[in-house]
Protein backbone atom coordinates (compact mmCIF):
# COMPACT_ATOMS: atom_id res chain seq x y z
CA MET A 1 21.11 -12.68 -20.03
CA ASN A 2 18.36 -14.72 -21.67
CA LYS A 3 15.85 -13.64 -18.97
CA ARG A 4 14.95 -17.21 -18.15
CA LYS A 5 14.75 -18.45 -14.58
CA THR A 6 17.98 -20.09 -13.52
CA PHE A 7 17.81 -22.26 -10.43
CA ARG A 8 20.53 -22.20 -7.81
CA ASN A 9 22.50 -25.30 -6.99
CA GLY A 10 21.50 -27.04 -10.21
CA GLY A 11 17.80 -26.93 -9.36
CA GLU A 12 18.22 -28.69 -6.02
CA VAL A 13 14.96 -28.71 -4.03
CA TYR A 14 15.17 -26.79 -0.75
CA VAL A 15 13.51 -28.59 2.15
CA ILE A 16 12.73 -26.49 5.20
CA SER A 17 10.54 -26.58 8.27
CA PRO A 18 8.76 -23.22 7.88
CA TYR A 19 8.44 -20.87 10.87
CA HIS A 20 7.45 -17.37 9.78
CA THR A 21 6.64 -15.22 6.80
CA VAL A 22 8.61 -11.96 6.88
CA TRP A 23 8.18 -8.75 4.86
CA ASN A 24 11.60 -7.16 4.28
CA SER A 25 12.90 -4.75 1.65
CA ASP A 26 9.61 -4.94 -0.30
CA ARG A 27 9.74 -8.74 -0.53
CA TYR A 28 8.16 -11.67 1.30
CA TYR A 29 10.39 -14.37 2.73
CA VAL A 30 9.78 -17.56 4.66
CA THR A 31 12.12 -18.40 7.52
CA GLY A 32 12.61 -22.01 8.44
CA TYR A 33 15.02 -24.70 9.49
CA SER A 34 17.14 -26.39 6.81
CA ASP A 35 18.35 -29.88 7.71
CA LYS A 36 20.99 -29.63 5.00
CA ARG A 37 22.46 -26.40 6.37
CA GLN A 38 21.71 -27.23 10.00
CA LYS A 39 20.39 -23.72 10.69
CA VAL A 40 17.50 -21.34 10.13
CA ILE A 41 17.52 -19.88 6.61
CA THR A 42 15.39 -17.50 4.56
CA VAL A 43 13.91 -18.18 1.15
CA ARG A 44 12.35 -15.47 -1.01
CA ILE A 45 8.78 -16.53 -1.70
CA ASP A 46 8.40 -14.96 -5.15
CA LYS A 47 11.48 -16.88 -6.34
CA MET A 48 9.95 -20.25 -5.43
CA GLU A 49 8.68 -22.42 -8.24
CA VAL A 50 5.78 -24.32 -6.67
CA PRO A 51 6.11 -25.06 -2.95
CA THR A 52 5.13 -28.57 -1.90
CA VAL A 53 3.91 -29.59 1.53
CA THR A 54 5.27 -32.97 2.66
CA ASP A 55 4.07 -35.42 5.30
CA GLU A 56 7.39 -35.19 7.13
CA ASP A 57 7.32 -33.80 10.66
CA ALA A 58 8.62 -30.26 10.88
CA VAL A 59 11.71 -29.54 12.94
CA PRO A 60 10.69 -27.32 15.87
CA PRO A 61 12.39 -23.92 16.06
CA PRO A 62 15.64 -23.85 18.05
CA ARG A 63 15.10 -22.76 21.66
CA ASP A 64 16.93 -19.47 21.08
CA TYR A 65 15.11 -18.68 17.81
CA ASN A 66 13.20 -15.39 17.83
CA VAL A 67 12.01 -14.11 14.46
CA GLN A 68 12.62 -10.43 15.32
CA ASN A 69 16.14 -11.13 16.57
CA TYR A 70 16.81 -13.22 13.47
CA VAL A 71 15.63 -10.46 11.12
CA ASP A 72 17.65 -7.86 13.09
CA THR A 73 20.78 -10.00 12.63
CA ILE A 74 20.68 -10.33 8.85
CA THR A 75 20.76 -7.56 6.25
CA ARG A 76 18.17 -7.56 3.48
CA MET A 77 17.61 -11.23 4.24
CA TYR A 78 21.11 -12.30 3.14
CA ASP A 79 22.99 -14.21 5.77
CA GLY A 80 26.64 -14.90 6.32
CA THR A 81 28.86 -15.72 9.27
CA GLU A 82 27.38 -14.51 12.55
CA GLU A 83 29.65 -12.30 14.63
CA ASP A 84 29.49 -9.58 17.25
CA VAL A 85 30.53 -6.47 15.33
CA THR A 86 31.37 -3.08 16.82
CA LEU A 87 30.62 -0.01 14.74
CA ARG A 88 31.78 3.56 15.47
CA CYS A 89 28.99 5.92 14.47
CA THR A 90 28.28 9.63 14.35
CA PRO A 91 25.66 10.70 16.93
CA ASP A 92 23.00 11.56 14.33
CA LEU A 93 22.81 7.86 13.35
CA VAL A 94 21.58 6.49 16.68
CA ASP A 95 18.01 6.09 15.36
CA HIS A 96 19.31 4.27 12.25
CA ILE A 97 21.31 1.89 14.44
CA ILE A 98 18.32 1.12 16.66
CA ASP A 99 16.06 0.69 13.61
CA LYS A 100 18.54 -1.78 12.10
CA PHE A 101 19.57 -3.80 15.16
CA GLY A 102 16.72 -3.26 17.61
CA LYS A 103 16.71 -1.83 21.10
CA GLN A 104 18.93 -4.63 22.36
CA VAL A 105 21.95 -3.16 20.52
CA LYS A 106 24.77 -2.33 22.94
CA ILE A 107 25.70 1.36 22.91
CA SER A 108 29.00 2.33 24.56
CA ASN A 109 31.93 4.74 24.42
CA VAL A 110 29.57 7.69 23.94
CA LYS A 111 31.42 10.89 23.06
CA GLU A 112 30.39 14.23 21.63
CA ASP A 113 31.30 13.19 18.08
CA SER A 114 30.71 9.41 18.14
CA PHE A 115 29.41 6.34 19.88
CA ASP A 116 30.09 2.63 19.51
CA ALA A 117 27.33 0.14 18.75
CA THR A 118 27.91 -3.59 19.15
CA ALA A 119 25.43 -5.95 17.53
CA HIS A 120 25.26 -9.61 16.68
CA VAL A 121 25.09 -9.56 12.87
CA SER A 122 25.28 -11.90 9.95
CA VAL A 123 28.38 -10.62 8.15
CA SER A 124 27.82 -10.69 4.40
CA SER A 125 28.59 -8.43 1.47
CA THR A 126 25.07 -7.07 1.92
CA PHE A 127 25.83 -6.08 5.53
CA LEU A 128 29.09 -4.46 4.41
CA SER A 129 27.24 -2.51 1.71
CA TRP A 130 24.79 -1.35 4.39
CA VAL A 131 27.76 0.11 6.31
CA PHE A 132 29.10 1.71 3.14
CA GLN A 133 25.89 3.61 2.43
CA TYR A 134 26.69 5.88 5.39
CA ARG A 135 29.82 7.22 3.64
CA GLY A 136 32.20 6.97 6.57
CA GLN A 137 29.74 7.96 9.27
CA ILE A 138 29.82 4.31 10.35
CA ARG A 139 33.19 2.60 10.67
CA ILE A 140 33.82 -1.02 11.57
CA ILE A 141 35.90 -1.10 14.75
CA GLY A 142 36.02 -4.85 15.23
CA PRO A 143 36.58 -7.64 14.89
CA GLU A 144 39.61 -7.22 12.67
CA SER A 145 38.45 -10.01 10.36
CA VAL A 146 35.28 -8.04 9.52
CA GLN A 147 37.32 -4.86 9.00
CA GLN A 148 39.47 -6.81 6.55
CA GLN A 149 36.44 -8.18 4.68
CA TYR A 150 35.17 -4.61 4.30
CA LEU A 151 38.54 -3.34 3.04
CA ASN A 152 38.80 -6.27 0.61
CA MET A 153 35.33 -5.52 -0.74
CA LEU A 154 36.23 -1.85 -1.25
CA GLU A 155 39.53 -2.75 -2.89
CA ASN A 156 37.82 -5.22 -5.25
CA ALA A 157 35.18 -2.64 -6.18
CA THR A 158 37.73 0.06 -6.95
CA HIS A 159 39.90 -2.40 -8.90
CA VAL A 160 36.93 -3.46 -11.03
CA GLN A 161 35.90 0.17 -11.56
CA ARG A 162 39.38 1.14 -12.76
CA ASN A 163 39.38 -1.72 -15.25
CA LEU A 164 36.03 -0.94 -16.89
């Protein structure tokens, strides 16, 4: 509210082994390995205070790390729990699905009025909001735990809206 920069985690310094700079949703991010989190993470560059280069050796990228696959997995650079998610989509959205998840997305159960797309995604509220923007033209088929997260998010949003 006071328009002053507030640091996450009490101002804790993030230490990463940088791999790539990525342009996504009109922002630059750096991807890199975080020892603390034991995985590849993204950090928004314009939110950094003053980056410092250390003399420590960088951790090499994991063998299965591919920057394009990584970016295809997360939504607007927010990550969550990685899962294989199946979405039921209307046929006019096939280009949107391929744009979002890449050509490696698995397309199955093709019918006149729908198809299923299965992609490895980072399930977060940002991913769920991406699904929501299609107003029912994309439905989460599985896993059930992701369906439940989506329903919980919708229920919380409608509850908050009713209480405004």
